[in-house]
C-alpha atoms as a PDB file:
ATOM      1  CA  UNK A   1      67.682  -1.097  31.889  1.00  0.00           C
ATOM      2  CA  UNK A   2      65.820  -3.298  29.514  1.00  0.00           C
ATOM      3  CA  UNK A   3      67.067  -6.459  31.120  1.00  0.00           C
ATOM      4  CA  UNK A   4      66.123  -5.278  34.658  1.00  0.00           C
ATOM      5  CA  UNK A   5      62.585  -4.466  33.546  1.00  0.00           C
ATOM      6  CA  UNK A   6      62.215  -8.060  31.793  1.00  0.00           C
ATOM      7  CA  UNK A   7      63.629  -9.476  35.022  1.00  0.00           C
ATOM      8  CA  UNK A   8      61.021  -7.758  37.014  1.00  0.00           C
ATOM      9  CA  UNK A   9      58.253  -8.659  34.793  1.00  0.00           C
ATOM     10  CA  UNK A  10      59.350 -12.215  34.905  1.00  0.00           C
ATOM     11  CA  UNK A  11      59.506 -12.323  38.600  1.00  0.00           C
ATOM     12  CA  UNK A  12      55.846 -10.904  38.906  1.00  0.00           C
ATOM     13  CA  UNK A  13      54.516 -12.483  35.664  1.00  0.00           C
ATOM     14  CA  UNK A  14      56.173 -15.522  34.228  1.00  0.00           C
ATOM     15  CA  UNK A  15      53.429 -15.894  31.584  1.00  0.00           C
ATOM     16  CA  UNK A  16      54.339 -12.545  29.979  1.00  0.00           C
ATOM     17  CA  UNK A  17      57.888 -13.551  29.482  1.00  0.00           C
ATOM     18  CA  UNK A  18      56.858 -16.938  27.910  1.00  0.00           C
ATOM     19  CA  UNK A  19      54.486 -15.052  25.607  1.00  0.00           C
ATOM     20  CA  UNK A  20      57.278 -12.858  24.422  1.00  0.00           C
ATOM     21  CA  UNK A  21      59.646 -15.747  23.681  1.00  0.00           C
ATOM     22  CA  UNK A  22      56.775 -17.589  21.685  1.00  0.00           C
ATOM     23  CA  UNK A  23      56.086 -14.541  19.621  1.00  0.00           C
ATOM     24  CA  UNK A  24      59.983 -14.067  18.932  1.00  0.00           C
ATOM     25  CA  UNK A  25      59.916 -17.761  17.759  1.00  0.00           C
ATOM     26  CA  UNK A  26      56.941 -17.379  15.532  1.00  0.00           C
ATOM     27  CA  UNK A  27      58.493 -14.237  13.738  1.00  0.00           C
ATOM     28  CA  UNK A  28      61.821 -16.067  13.421  1.00  0.00           C
ATOM     29  CA  UNK A  29      60.241 -19.295  12.030  1.00  0.00           C
ATOM     30  CA  UNK A  30      58.178 -17.134   9.503  1.00  0.00           C
ATOM     31  CA  UNK A  31      61.369 -15.339   8.293  1.00  0.00           C
ATOM     32  CA  UNK A  32      63.139 -18.600   7.844  1.00  0.00           C
ATOM     33  CA  UNK A  33      60.352 -20.363   6.000  1.00  0.00           C
ATOM     34  CA  UNK A  34      60.005 -17.312   3.763  1.00  0.00           C
ATOM     35  CA  UNK A  35      63.642 -17.219   2.923  1.00  0.00           C
ATOM     36  CA  UNK A  36      63.742 -20.901   1.665  1.00  0.00           C
ATOM     37  CA  UNK A  37      60.344 -20.289  -0.179  1.00  0.00           C
ATOM     38  CA  UNK A  38      58.408 -22.570   2.010  1.00  0.00           C
ATOM     39  CA  UNK A  39      54.790 -21.998   3.134  1.00  0.00           C
ATOM     40  CA  UNK A  40      54.397 -19.033   5.420  1.00  0.00           C
ATOM     41  CA  UNK A  41      51.569 -18.878   8.015  1.00  0.00           C
ATOM     42  CA  UNK A  42      48.576 -16.669   6.888  1.00  0.00           C
ATOM     43  CA  UNK A  43      49.122 -14.489   9.967  1.00  0.00           C
ATOM     44  CA  UNK A  44      52.663 -13.596   8.986  1.00  0.00           C
ATOM     45  CA  UNK A  45      51.817 -12.843   5.324  1.00  0.00           C
ATOM     46  CA  UNK A  46      51.343  -9.348   4.096  1.00  0.00           C
ATOM     47  CA  UNK A  47      47.955  -8.387   2.555  1.00  0.00           C
ATOM     48  CA  UNK A  48      49.039  -8.539  -0.967  1.00  0.00           C
ATOM     49  CA  UNK A  49      50.217 -12.179  -0.690  1.00  0.00           C
ATOM     50  CA  UNK A  50      47.066 -13.083   1.123  1.00  0.00           C
ATOM     51  CA  UNK A  51      44.704 -11.813  -1.466  1.00  0.00           C
ATOM     52  CA  UNK A  52      46.665 -13.156  -4.407  1.00  0.00           C
ATOM     53  CA  UNK A  53      46.701 -16.689  -2.874  1.00  0.00           C
ATOM     54  CA  UNK A  54      42.963 -16.774  -2.466  1.00  0.00           C
ATOM     55  CA  UNK A  55      41.793 -15.784  -5.818  1.00  0.00           C
ATOM     56  CA  UNK A  56      38.275 -16.453  -6.858  1.00  0.00           C
ATOM     57  CA  UNK A  57      37.455 -19.039  -9.426  1.00  0.00           C
ATOM     58  CA  UNK A  58      37.705 -18.057 -13.165  1.00  0.00           C
ATOM     59  CA  UNK A  59      34.625 -19.205 -14.896  1.00  0.00           C
ATOM     60  CA  UNK A  60      35.123 -20.992 -18.097  1.00  0.00           C
ATOM     61  CA  UNK A  61      33.513 -19.301 -20.971  1.00  0.00           C
ATOM     62  CA  UNK A  62      32.659 -20.320 -24.486  1.00  0.00           C
ATOM     63  CA  UNK A  63      32.314 -17.728 -27.046  1.00  0.00           C
ATOM     64  CA  UNK A  64      28.958 -17.968 -28.919  1.00  0.00           C
ATOM     65  CA  UNK A  65      27.701 -15.723 -31.695  1.00  0.00           C
ATOM     66  CA  UNK A  66      24.206 -14.457 -31.210  1.00  0.00           C
ATOM     67  CA  UNK A  67      22.431 -13.659 -34.606  1.00  0.00           C
ATOM     68  CA  UNK A  68      19.473 -11.773 -32.885  1.00  0.00           C
ATOM     69  CA  UNK A  69      19.101  -8.329 -31.540  1.00  0.00           C
ATOM     70  CA  UNK A  70      15.878  -6.678 -30.531  1.00  0.00           C
ATOM     71  CA  UNK A  71      15.162  -3.153 -28.994  1.00  0.00           C
ATOM     72  CA  UNK A  72      12.190  -1.272 -28.248  1.00  0.00           C
ATOM     73  CA  UNK A  73      11.884   2.029 -30.157  1.00  0.00           C
ATOM     74  CA  UNK A  74      10.298   4.967 -28.370  1.00  0.00           C
ATOM     75  CA  UNK A  75       9.134   3.063 -25.212  1.00  0.00           C
ATOM     76  CA  UNK A  76       7.446   6.140 -23.611  1.00  0.00           C
ATOM     77  CA  UNK A  77       4.766   6.019 -26.241  1.00  0.00           C
ATOM     78  CA  UNK A  78       4.065   2.300 -26.237  1.00  0.00           C
ATOM     79  CA  UNK A  79       0.865   1.054 -24.823  1.00  0.00           C
ATOM     80  CA  UNK A  80      -1.796  -1.749 -25.283  1.00  0.00           C
ATOM     81  CA  UNK A  81      -4.118   0.450 -27.247  1.00  0.00           C
ATOM     82  CA  UNK A  82      -1.425   2.371 -29.289  1.00  0.00           C
ATOM     83  CA  UNK A  83       0.738  -0.570 -29.890  1.00  0.00           C
ATOM     84  CA  UNK A  84       4.535  -0.797 -29.909  1.00  0.00           C
ATOM     85  CA  UNK A  85       7.424  -0.292 -32.137  1.00  0.00           C
ATOM     86  CA  UNK A  86      10.232  -2.769 -32.164  1.00  0.00           C
ATOM     87  CA  UNK A  87      13.653  -2.611 -33.854  1.00  0.00           C
ATOM     88  CA  UNK A  88      15.151  -5.958 -34.828  1.00  0.00           C
ATOM     89  CA  UNK A  89      18.972  -6.103 -35.700  1.00  0.00           C
ATOM     90  CA  UNK A  90      19.946  -9.564 -36.972  1.00  0.00           C
ATOM     91  CA  UNK A  91      23.087 -10.916 -38.591  1.00  0.00           C
ATOM     92  CA  UNK A  92      21.017 -13.184 -40.861  1.00  0.00           C
ATOM     93  CA  UNK A  93      17.530 -13.065 -42.367  1.00  0.00           C
ATOM     94  CA  UNK A  94      14.904 -13.850 -39.627  1.00  0.00           C
ATOM     95  CA  UNK A  95      11.320 -13.942 -38.806  1.00  0.00           C
ATOM     96  CA  UNK A  96       9.940 -11.745 -36.037  1.00  0.00           C
ATOM     97  CA  UNK A  97       6.583 -13.216 -34.636  1.00  0.00           C
ATOM     98  CA  UNK A  98       4.728 -11.368 -31.868  1.00  0.00           C
ATOM     99  CA  UNK A  99       2.253 -13.034 -29.595  1.00  0.00           C
ATOM    100  CA  UNK A 100      -0.075 -10.700 -27.636  1.00  0.00           C
ATOM    101  CA  UNK A 101      -1.709 -12.054 -24.452  1.00  0.00           C
ATOM    102  CA  UNK A 102       0.471 -15.155 -24.206  1.00  0.00           C
ATOM    103  CA  UNK A 103      -0.025 -17.448 -21.308  1.00  0.00           C
ATOM    104  CA  UNK A 104       2.645 -17.205 -18.618  1.00  0.00           C
ATOM    105  CA  UNK A 105       2.282 -21.019 -17.704  1.00  0.00           C
ATOM    106  CA  UNK A 106       2.507 -22.143 -21.413  1.00  0.00           C
ATOM    107  CA  UNK A 107       5.474 -20.099 -22.129  1.00  0.00           C
ATOM    108  CA  UNK A 108       7.445 -21.586 -19.461  1.00  0.00           C
ATOM    109  CA  UNK A 109       6.358 -25.140 -20.404  1.00  0.00           C
ATOM    110  CA  UNK A 110       7.369 -24.297 -23.917  1.00  0.00           C
ATOM    111  CA  UNK A 111      10.849 -23.533 -22.694  1.00  0.00           C
ATOM    112  CA  UNK A 112      11.008 -26.892 -20.910  1.00  0.00           C
ATOM    113  CA  UNK A 113       9.693 -28.710 -23.968  1.00  0.00           C
ATOM    114  CA  UNK A 114      12.765 -27.084 -25.979  1.00  0.00           C
ATOM    115  CA  UNK A 115      14.927 -28.906 -23.284  1.00  0.00           C
ATOM    116  CA  UNK A 116      13.316 -32.141 -23.077  1.00  0.00           C
ATOM    117  CA  UNK A 117      11.004 -32.778 -26.009  1.00  0.00           C
ATOM    118  CA  UNK A 118      11.638 -30.831 -29.371  1.00  0.00           C
ATOM    119  CA  UNK A 119      13.687 -27.720 -30.392  1.00  0.00           C
ATOM    120  CA  UNK A 120      11.842 -24.551 -30.889  1.00  0.00           C
ATOM    121  CA  UNK A 121      13.569 -23.336 -34.110  1.00  0.00           C
ATOM    122  CA  UNK A 122      10.407 -22.017 -35.940  1.00  0.00           C
ATOM    123  CA  UNK A 123       7.365 -19.875 -34.961  1.00  0.00           C
ATOM    124  CA  UNK A 124       5.118 -23.141 -35.657  1.00  0.00           C
ATOM    125  CA  UNK A 125       7.066 -25.190 -32.986  1.00  0.00           C
ATOM    126  CA  UNK A 126       6.401 -22.432 -30.343  1.00  0.00           C
ATOM    127  CA  UNK A 127       2.843 -22.244 -31.400  1.00  0.00           C
ATOM    128  CA  UNK A 128       2.572 -26.061 -30.997  1.00  0.00           C
ATOM    129  CA  UNK A 129       4.197 -25.687 -27.534  1.00  0.00           C
ATOM    130  CA  UNK A 130       1.792 -23.116 -26.539  1.00  0.00           C
ATOM    131  CA  UNK A 131      -1.375 -24.787 -27.671  1.00  0.00           C
ATOM    132  CA  UNK A 132      -2.232 -21.521 -29.151  1.00  0.00           C
ATOM    133  CA  UNK A 133      -2.973 -19.844 -25.860  1.00  0.00           C
ATOM    134  CA  UNK A 134      -2.545 -16.205 -27.107  1.00  0.00           C
ATOM    135  CA  UNK A 135      -4.912 -13.551 -28.206  1.00  0.00           C
ATOM    136  CA  UNK A 136      -3.374 -12.295 -31.426  1.00  0.00           C
ATOM    137  CA  UNK A 137      -0.255 -13.158 -33.697  1.00  0.00           C
ATOM    138  CA  UNK A 138       1.625 -10.903 -35.959  1.00  0.00           C
ATOM    139  CA  UNK A 139       4.565 -11.789 -38.155  1.00  0.00           C
ATOM    140  CA  UNK A 140       7.313  -9.873 -39.971  1.00  0.00           C
ATOM    141  CA  UNK A 141      10.354 -10.818 -42.064  1.00  0.00           C
ATOM    142  CA  UNK A 142      13.575  -9.200 -41.042  1.00  0.00           C
ATOM    143  CA  UNK A 143      16.333  -8.894 -43.799  1.00  0.00           C
ATOM    144  CA  UNK A 144      19.915  -9.305 -42.707  1.00  0.00           C
ATOM    145  CA  UNK A 145      21.394  -6.276 -40.893  1.00  0.00           C
ATOM    146  CA  UNK A 146      18.164  -4.288 -41.578  1.00  0.00           C
ATOM    147  CA  UNK A 147      17.192  -2.087 -38.707  1.00  0.00           C
ATOM    148  CA  UNK A 148      13.718  -1.121 -40.051  1.00  0.00           C
ATOM    149  CA  UNK A 149      11.223  -0.468 -37.334  1.00  0.00           C
ATOM    150  CA  UNK A 150       8.375  -3.132 -37.037  1.00  0.00           C
ATOM    151  CA  UNK A 151       5.143  -1.694 -35.559  1.00  0.00           C
ATOM    152  CA  UNK A 152       3.048  -4.060 -33.494  1.00  0.00           C
ATOM    153  CA  UNK A 153      -0.562  -3.368 -32.467  1.00  0.00           C
ATOM    154  CA  UNK A 154      -3.652  -5.426 -31.294  1.00  0.00           C
ATOM    155  CA  UNK A 155      -6.596  -5.212 -33.801  1.00  0.00           C
ATOM    156  CA  UNK A 156      -9.445  -2.735 -32.903  1.00  0.00           C
ATOM    157  CA  UNK A 157     -11.906  -5.597 -32.739  1.00  0.00           C
ATOM    158  CA  UNK A 158     -10.034  -7.342 -29.981  1.00  0.00           C
ATOM    159  CA  UNK A 159     -11.236  -4.615 -27.583  1.00  0.00           C
ATOM    160  CA  UNK A 160      -8.325  -5.188 -25.078  1.00  0.00           C
ATOM    161  CA  UNK A 161      -7.505  -2.357 -22.804  1.00  0.00           C
ATOM    162  CA  UNK A 162      -5.666  -4.431 -20.045  1.00  0.00           C
ATOM    163  CA  UNK A 163      -4.455  -7.805 -19.104  1.00  0.00           C
ATOM    164  CA  UNK A 164      -5.993  -7.929 -15.607  1.00  0.00           C
ATOM    165  CA  UNK A 165      -4.558  -7.195 -12.030  1.00  0.00           C
ATOM    166  CA  UNK A 166      -1.167  -8.318 -10.957  1.00  0.00           C
ATOM    167  CA  UNK A 167      -0.249 -11.215 -10.644  1.00  0.00           C
ATOM    168  CA  UNK A 168      -1.177 -11.813 -14.187  1.00  0.00           C
ATOM    169  CA  UNK A 169      -1.883 -15.097 -16.019  1.00  0.00           C
ATOM    170  CA  UNK A 170      -0.496 -13.759 -19.370  1.00  0.00           C
ATOM    171  CA  UNK A 171       2.265 -11.624 -20.557  1.00  0.00           C
ATOM    172  CA  UNK A 172       1.169  -8.697 -22.754  1.00  0.00           C
ATOM    173  CA  UNK A 173       3.635  -9.474 -25.576  1.00  0.00           C
ATOM    174  CA  UNK A 174       5.969 -12.168 -26.392  1.00  0.00           C
ATOM    175  CA  UNK A 175       8.498 -11.530 -29.259  1.00  0.00           C
ATOM    176  CA  UNK A 176      10.063 -14.564 -31.004  1.00  0.00           C
ATOM    177  CA  UNK A 177      13.026 -14.164 -33.409  1.00  0.00           C
ATOM    178  CA  UNK A 178      13.882 -17.201 -35.403  1.00  0.00           C
ATOM    179  CA  UNK A 179      16.173 -17.823 -38.343  1.00  0.00           C
ATOM    180  CA  UNK A 180      14.614 -17.696 -41.639  1.00  0.00           C
ATOM    181  CA  UNK A 181      16.962 -20.025 -43.632  1.00  0.00           C
ATOM    182  CA  UNK A 182      17.028 -23.564 -42.544  1.00  0.00           C
ATOM    183  CA  UNK A 183      20.796 -23.842 -43.440  1.00  0.00           C
ATOM    184  CA  UNK A 184      21.629 -20.934 -40.953  1.00  0.00           C
ATOM    185  CA  UNK A 185      20.113 -23.106 -38.027  1.00  0.00           C
ATOM    186  CA  UNK A 186      23.062 -25.461 -38.677  1.00  0.00           C
ATOM    187  CA  UNK A 187      25.623 -22.822 -38.305  1.00  0.00           C
ATOM    188  CA  UNK A 188      24.543 -21.039 -35.232  1.00  0.00           C
ATOM    189  CA  UNK A 189      24.429 -22.462 -31.717  1.00  0.00           C
ATOM    190  CA  UNK A 190      21.563 -19.969 -30.864  1.00  0.00           C
ATOM    191  CA  UNK A 191      18.548 -20.885 -32.966  1.00  0.00           C
ATOM    192  CA  UNK A 192      16.025 -18.438 -31.511  1.00  0.00           C
ATOM    193  CA  UNK A 193      15.489 -15.723 -29.004  1.00  0.00           C
ATOM    194  CA  UNK A 194      12.405 -15.198 -26.954  1.00  0.00           C
ATOM    195  CA  UNK A 195      11.745 -11.642 -25.436  1.00  0.00           C
ATOM    196  CA  UNK A 196       9.022 -11.136 -22.791  1.00  0.00           C
ATOM    197  CA  UNK A 197       7.934  -7.485 -22.988  1.00  0.00           C
ATOM    198  CA  UNK A 198       5.812  -5.423 -20.589  1.00  0.00           C
ATOM    199  CA  UNK A 199       3.368  -2.879 -22.172  1.00  0.00           C
ATOM    200  CA  UNK A 200       1.454  -0.394 -19.885  1.00  0.00           C
ATOM    201  CA  UNK A 201      -2.143  -0.567 -19.980  1.00  0.00           C
ATOM    202  CA  UNK A 202      -5.072   0.955 -18.052  1.00  0.00           C
ATOM    203  CA  UNK A 203      -4.451  -1.309 -14.898  1.00  0.00           C
ATOM    204  CA  UNK A 204      -0.731  -1.603 -14.779  1.00  0.00           C
ATOM    205  CA  UNK A 205       1.150   1.509 -15.855  1.00  0.00           C
ATOM    206  CA  UNK A 206       4.763   0.275 -15.410  1.00  0.00           C
ATOM    207  CA  UNK A 207       6.791   1.700 -18.257  1.00  0.00           C
ATOM    208  CA  UNK A 208       7.483  -0.360 -21.383  1.00  0.00           C
ATOM    209  CA  UNK A 209      10.507  -2.593 -21.110  1.00  0.00           C
ATOM    210  CA  UNK A 210      11.784  -5.967 -21.821  1.00  0.00           C
ATOM    211  CA  UNK A 211      11.398  -8.080 -18.757  1.00  0.00           C
ATOM    212  CA  UNK A 212      13.283 -11.278 -19.867  1.00  0.00           C
ATOM    213  CA  UNK A 213      15.224 -12.453 -22.739  1.00  0.00           C
ATOM    214  CA  UNK A 214      15.865 -16.127 -23.383  1.00  0.00           C
ATOM    215  CA  UNK A 215      18.365 -17.525 -25.931  1.00  0.00           C
ATOM    216  CA  UNK A 216      17.311 -21.011 -27.140  1.00  0.00           C
ATOM    217  CA  UNK A 217      20.297 -23.341 -28.241  1.00  0.00           C
ATOM    218  CA  UNK A 218      20.312 -26.038 -30.775  1.00  0.00           C
ATOM    219  CA  UNK A 219      21.705 -28.433 -28.218  1.00  0.00           C
ATOM    220  CA  UNK A 220      18.489 -28.075 -26.031  1.00  0.00           C
ATOM    221  CA  UNK A 221      19.456 -25.564 -23.445  1.00  0.00           C
ATOM    222  CA  UNK A 222      18.197 -22.088 -22.895  1.00  0.00           C
ATOM    223  CA  UNK A 223      19.902 -19.109 -21.210  1.00  0.00           C
ATOM    224  CA  UNK A 224      18.326 -16.172 -19.391  1.00  0.00           C
ATOM    225  CA  UNK A 225      20.158 -12.939 -20.451  1.00  0.00           C
ATOM    226  CA  UNK A 226      21.051 -10.849 -17.465  1.00  0.00           C
ATOM    227  CA  UNK A 227      22.009  -7.273 -17.340  1.00  0.00           C
ATOM    228  CA  UNK A 228      25.515  -6.276 -16.161  1.00  0.00           C
ATOM    229  CA  UNK A 229      25.850  -3.444 -13.655  1.00  0.00           C
ATOM    230  CA  UNK A 230      28.707  -1.505 -15.117  1.00  0.00           C
ATOM    231  CA  UNK A 231      30.506   1.690 -14.252  1.00  0.00           C
ATOM    232  CA  UNK A 232      30.494   2.931 -17.693  1.00  0.00           C
ATOM    233  CA  UNK A 233      28.131   5.130 -19.602  1.00  0.00           C
ATOM    234  CA  UNK A 234      24.977   3.408 -20.467  1.00  0.00           C
ATOM    235  CA  UNK A 235      21.960   4.149 -22.730  1.00  0.00           C
ATOM    236  CA  UNK A 236      19.774   1.873 -20.856  1.00  0.00           C
ATOM    237  CA  UNK A 237      16.743   3.699 -19.249  1.00  0.00           C
ATOM    238  CA  UNK A 238      16.944   4.414 -15.600  1.00  0.00           C
ATOM    239  CA  UNK A 239      14.360   5.838 -13.146  1.00  0.00           C
ATOM    240  CA  UNK A 240      16.737   8.993 -13.063  1.00  0.00           C
ATOM    241  CA  UNK A 241      15.545   9.697 -16.541  1.00  0.00           C
ATOM    242  CA  UNK A 242      11.800  10.034 -15.672  1.00  0.00           C
ATOM    243  CA  UNK A 243      10.006  12.535 -13.527  1.00  0.00           C
ATOM    244  CA  UNK A 244       9.909  12.071  -9.763  1.00  0.00           C
ATOM    245  CA  UNK A 245       6.308  10.952  -9.596  1.00  0.00           C
ATOM    246  CA  UNK A 246       6.534   8.506 -12.480  1.00  0.00           C
ATOM    247  CA  UNK A 247       9.824   7.084 -11.010  1.00  0.00           C
ATOM    248  CA  UNK A 248       8.305   6.427  -7.603  1.00  0.00           C
ATOM    249  CA  UNK A 249       5.285   4.764  -9.316  1.00  0.00           C
ATOM    250  CA  UNK A 250       7.553   2.660 -11.493  1.00  0.00           C
ATOM    251  CA  UNK A 251       9.719   1.702  -8.501  1.00  0.00           C
ATOM    252  CA  UNK A 252       6.668   0.451  -6.400  1.00  0.00           C
ATOM    253  CA  UNK A 253       5.195  -1.462  -9.388  1.00  0.00           C
ATOM    254  CA  UNK A 254       8.619  -3.202  -9.915  1.00  0.00           C
ATOM    255  CA  UNK A 255       8.863  -4.133  -6.289  1.00  0.00           C
ATOM    256  CA  UNK A 256       5.377  -5.780  -6.491  1.00  0.00           C
ATOM    257  CA  UNK A 257       6.836  -8.140  -9.287  1.00  0.00           C
ATOM    258  CA  UNK A 258      10.117  -8.569  -7.661  1.00  0.00           C
ATOM    259  CA  UNK A 259      11.970  -6.725 -10.492  1.00  0.00           C
ATOM    260  CA  UNK A 260      13.200  -3.694  -8.413  1.00  0.00           C
ATOM    261  CA  UNK A 261      16.906  -2.998  -8.216  1.00  0.00           C
ATOM    262  CA  UNK A 262      18.959  -1.409  -5.510  1.00  0.00           C
ATOM    263  CA  UNK A 263      19.646   2.389  -5.833  1.00  0.00           C
ATOM    264  CA  UNK A 264      23.338   1.674  -6.111  1.00  0.00           C
ATOM    265  CA  UNK A 265      22.682  -0.478  -9.261  1.00  0.00           C
ATOM    266  CA  UNK A 266      20.285   2.083 -10.792  1.00  0.00           C
ATOM    267  CA  UNK A 267      22.657   5.175 -10.449  1.00  0.00           C
ATOM    268  CA  UNK A 268      25.722   4.298 -12.447  1.00  0.00           C
ATOM    269  CA  UNK A 269      28.909   6.161 -12.501  1.00  0.00           C
ATOM    270  CA  UNK A 270      30.151   8.032 -15.544  1.00  0.00           C
ATOM    271  CA  UNK A 271      33.648   6.346 -15.701  1.00  0.00           C
ATOM    272  CA  UNK A 272      35.048   3.396 -17.685  1.00  0.00           C
ATOM    273  CA  UNK A 273      37.842   3.043 -15.384  1.00  0.00           C
ATOM    274  CA  UNK A 274      38.360   0.475 -12.661  1.00  0.00           C
ATOM    275  CA  UNK A 275      36.557   1.618  -9.431  1.00  0.00           C
ATOM    276  CA  UNK A 276      39.702   0.664  -7.294  1.00  0.00           C
ATOM    277  CA  UNK A 277      42.853   1.844  -9.215  1.00  0.00           C
ATOM    278  CA  UNK A 278      40.844   4.349 -11.328  1.00  0.00           C
ATOM    279  CA  UNK A 279      43.465   3.636 -14.085  1.00  0.00           C
ATOM    280  CA  UNK A 280      42.909   0.303 -15.750  1.00  0.00           C
ATOM    281  CA  UNK A 281      40.061  -0.487 -18.057  1.00  0.00           C
ATOM    282  CA  UNK A 282      36.977  -2.397 -16.545  1.00  0.00           C
ATOM    283  CA  UNK A 283      37.105  -5.931 -17.880  1.00  0.00           C
ATOM    284  CA  UNK A 284      35.951  -8.406 -15.118  1.00  0.00           C
ATOM    285  CA  UNK A 285      32.265  -9.363 -14.205  1.00  0.00           C
ATOM    286  CA  UNK A 286      31.865 -10.674 -10.635  1.00  0.00           C
ATOM    287  CA  UNK A 287      29.266 -13.344  -9.978  1.00  0.00           C
ATOM    288  CA  UNK A 288      26.661 -13.736  -8.566  1.00  0.00           C
ATOM    289  CA  UNK A 289      26.191  -9.819  -8.083  1.00  0.00           C
ATOM    290  CA  UNK A 290      27.015  -9.139 -11.840  1.00  0.00           C
ATOM    291  CA  UNK A 291      28.835  -5.972 -10.989  1.00  0.00           C
ATOM    292  CA  UNK A 292      31.476  -5.224 -13.684  1.00  0.00           C
ATOM    293  CA  UNK A 293      33.928  -2.797 -11.980  1.00  0.00           C
ATOM    294  CA  UNK A 294      37.357  -4.377 -11.898  1.00  0.00           C
ATOM    295  CA  UNK A 295      40.455  -4.306 -14.283  1.00  0.00           C
ATOM    296  CA  UNK A 296      42.928  -7.190 -14.911  1.00  0.00           C
ATOM    297  CA  UNK A 297      45.355  -5.870 -12.308  1.00  0.00           C
ATOM    298  CA  UNK A 298      42.806  -5.502  -9.360  1.00  0.00           C
ATOM    299  CA  UNK A 299      40.733  -8.767  -9.888  1.00  0.00           C
ATOM    300  CA  UNK A 300      43.204 -10.945  -7.955  1.00  0.00           C
ATOM    301  CA  UNK A 301      43.051  -8.822  -4.774  1.00  0.00           C
ATOM    302  CA  UNK A 302      39.421  -9.072  -4.112  1.00  0.00           C
ATOM    303  CA  UNK A 303      37.264 -11.872  -2.755  1.00  0.00           C
ATOM    304  CA  UNK A 304      34.336  -9.460  -2.152  1.00  0.00           C
ATOM    305  CA  UNK A 305      32.660  -7.094  -4.620  1.00  0.00           C
ATOM    306  CA  UNK A 306      33.961  -3.466  -4.058  1.00  0.00           C
ATOM    307  CA  UNK A 307      30.623  -2.096  -5.109  1.00  0.00           C
ATOM    308  CA  UNK A 308      28.158  -4.290  -2.874  1.00  0.00           C
ATOM    309  CA  UNK A 309      30.431  -6.208  -0.698  1.00  0.00           C
ATOM    310  CA  UNK A 310      28.965  -9.505  -1.734  1.00  0.00           C
ATOM    311  CA  UNK A 311      31.268 -12.562  -1.746  1.00  0.00           C
ATOM    312  CA  UNK A 312      32.398 -13.439  -5.248  1.00  0.00           C
ATOM    313  CA  UNK A 313      31.940 -17.003  -6.208  1.00  0.00           C
ATOM    314  CA  UNK A 314      33.127 -16.706  -9.911  1.00  0.00           C
ATOM    315  CA  UNK A 315      34.271 -14.096 -12.312  1.00  0.00           C
ATOM    316  CA  UNK A 316      34.870 -13.853 -15.952  1.00  0.00           C
ATOM    317  CA  UNK A 317      36.436 -11.404 -18.382  1.00  0.00           C
ATOM    318  CA  UNK A 318      34.588  -9.444 -20.929  1.00  0.00           C
ATOM    319  CA  UNK A 319      37.549  -9.803 -23.530  1.00  0.00           C
ATOM    320  CA  UNK A 320      40.876 -11.558 -23.437  1.00  0.00           C
ATOM    321  CA  UNK A 321      44.250  -9.778 -23.020  1.00  0.00           C
ATOM    322  CA  UNK A 322      44.783 -10.325 -26.909  1.00  0.00           C
ATOM    323  CA  UNK A 323      41.416  -8.678 -27.737  1.00  0.00           C
ATOM    324  CA  UNK A 324      42.330  -5.597 -25.495  1.00  0.00           C
ATOM    325  CA  UNK A 325      45.760  -5.105 -27.093  1.00  0.00           C
ATOM    326  CA  UNK A 326      44.120  -5.165 -30.598  1.00  0.00           C
ATOM    327  CA  UNK A 327      41.600  -2.809 -29.433  1.00  0.00           C
ATOM    328  CA  UNK A 328      44.079  -0.242 -28.032  1.00  0.00           C
ATOM    329  CA  UNK A 329      46.217  -0.440 -31.232  1.00  0.00           C
ATOM    330  CA  UNK A 330      43.115   0.213 -33.179  1.00  0.00           C
ATOM    331  CA  UNK A 331      42.367   3.322 -31.185  1.00  0.00           C
ATOM    332  CA  UNK A 332      46.054   4.536 -31.363  1.00  0.00           C
END
């Protein structure tokens, strides 16, 4: 019956019969090539083989110890008139230097001078690069592993209530952390950290936060620290922690300066598991989107981020397999 049907189709449509024979040839060729371990055409591979063979590039990482840590204590109460409280957490004795009203242009010129001219490893080196274009300076000595809060405030005679309309020519506050002991500067690759801090004032009431953090290396490079978007519990402040009116105001102000994030990035999930298999521990960071949402088992199957669908150019692990095993054994 089937033969009669094919003969009838052949009589009326020879092209159909030729197509059937060609498809049978392709399938047979694919089976033969796969049997002998040779390359199989992509169209004949299953999805698992296709994804694993097109794995994204693994970014080569170098472990560097950062001796500096800085947080804003009580950001909701910070203002230009009331001041701000900073909490440094350093691995070595350090010096915290705060510059109020620092010139935006001079700061970025100073970062370039660190690369091409001289290393900014002391507060004096930064001041020379800034040409003293700031309103007021405060300095504190920070002991090793001491988390004592440091209160910074403009003097009353400065009579500064705001730093002008947006876009501004100066940052409200620049916090510089440098190593106090000269011998420590020979040990660490990172010799200083510059934090750009926004503080609300009368003309610009965006909530207090660290806008940028730059790590300055002894070799003459500097790196801009970026926040990772993780599907884990985070203590970082988000718009959902503030009242609706303040949240909408903050978001509109962020959009003006180009710092607003997508809603999907602001509202984070409360799970440390992989967003795909829901079983493995999240370990891989996808670039350039910076979503940290995949485990070691699922990373090889994705060329696009499962969170934002952006194509992944590179990826790197948060910790090695050995570190994971050691951490698991510690918990057990």
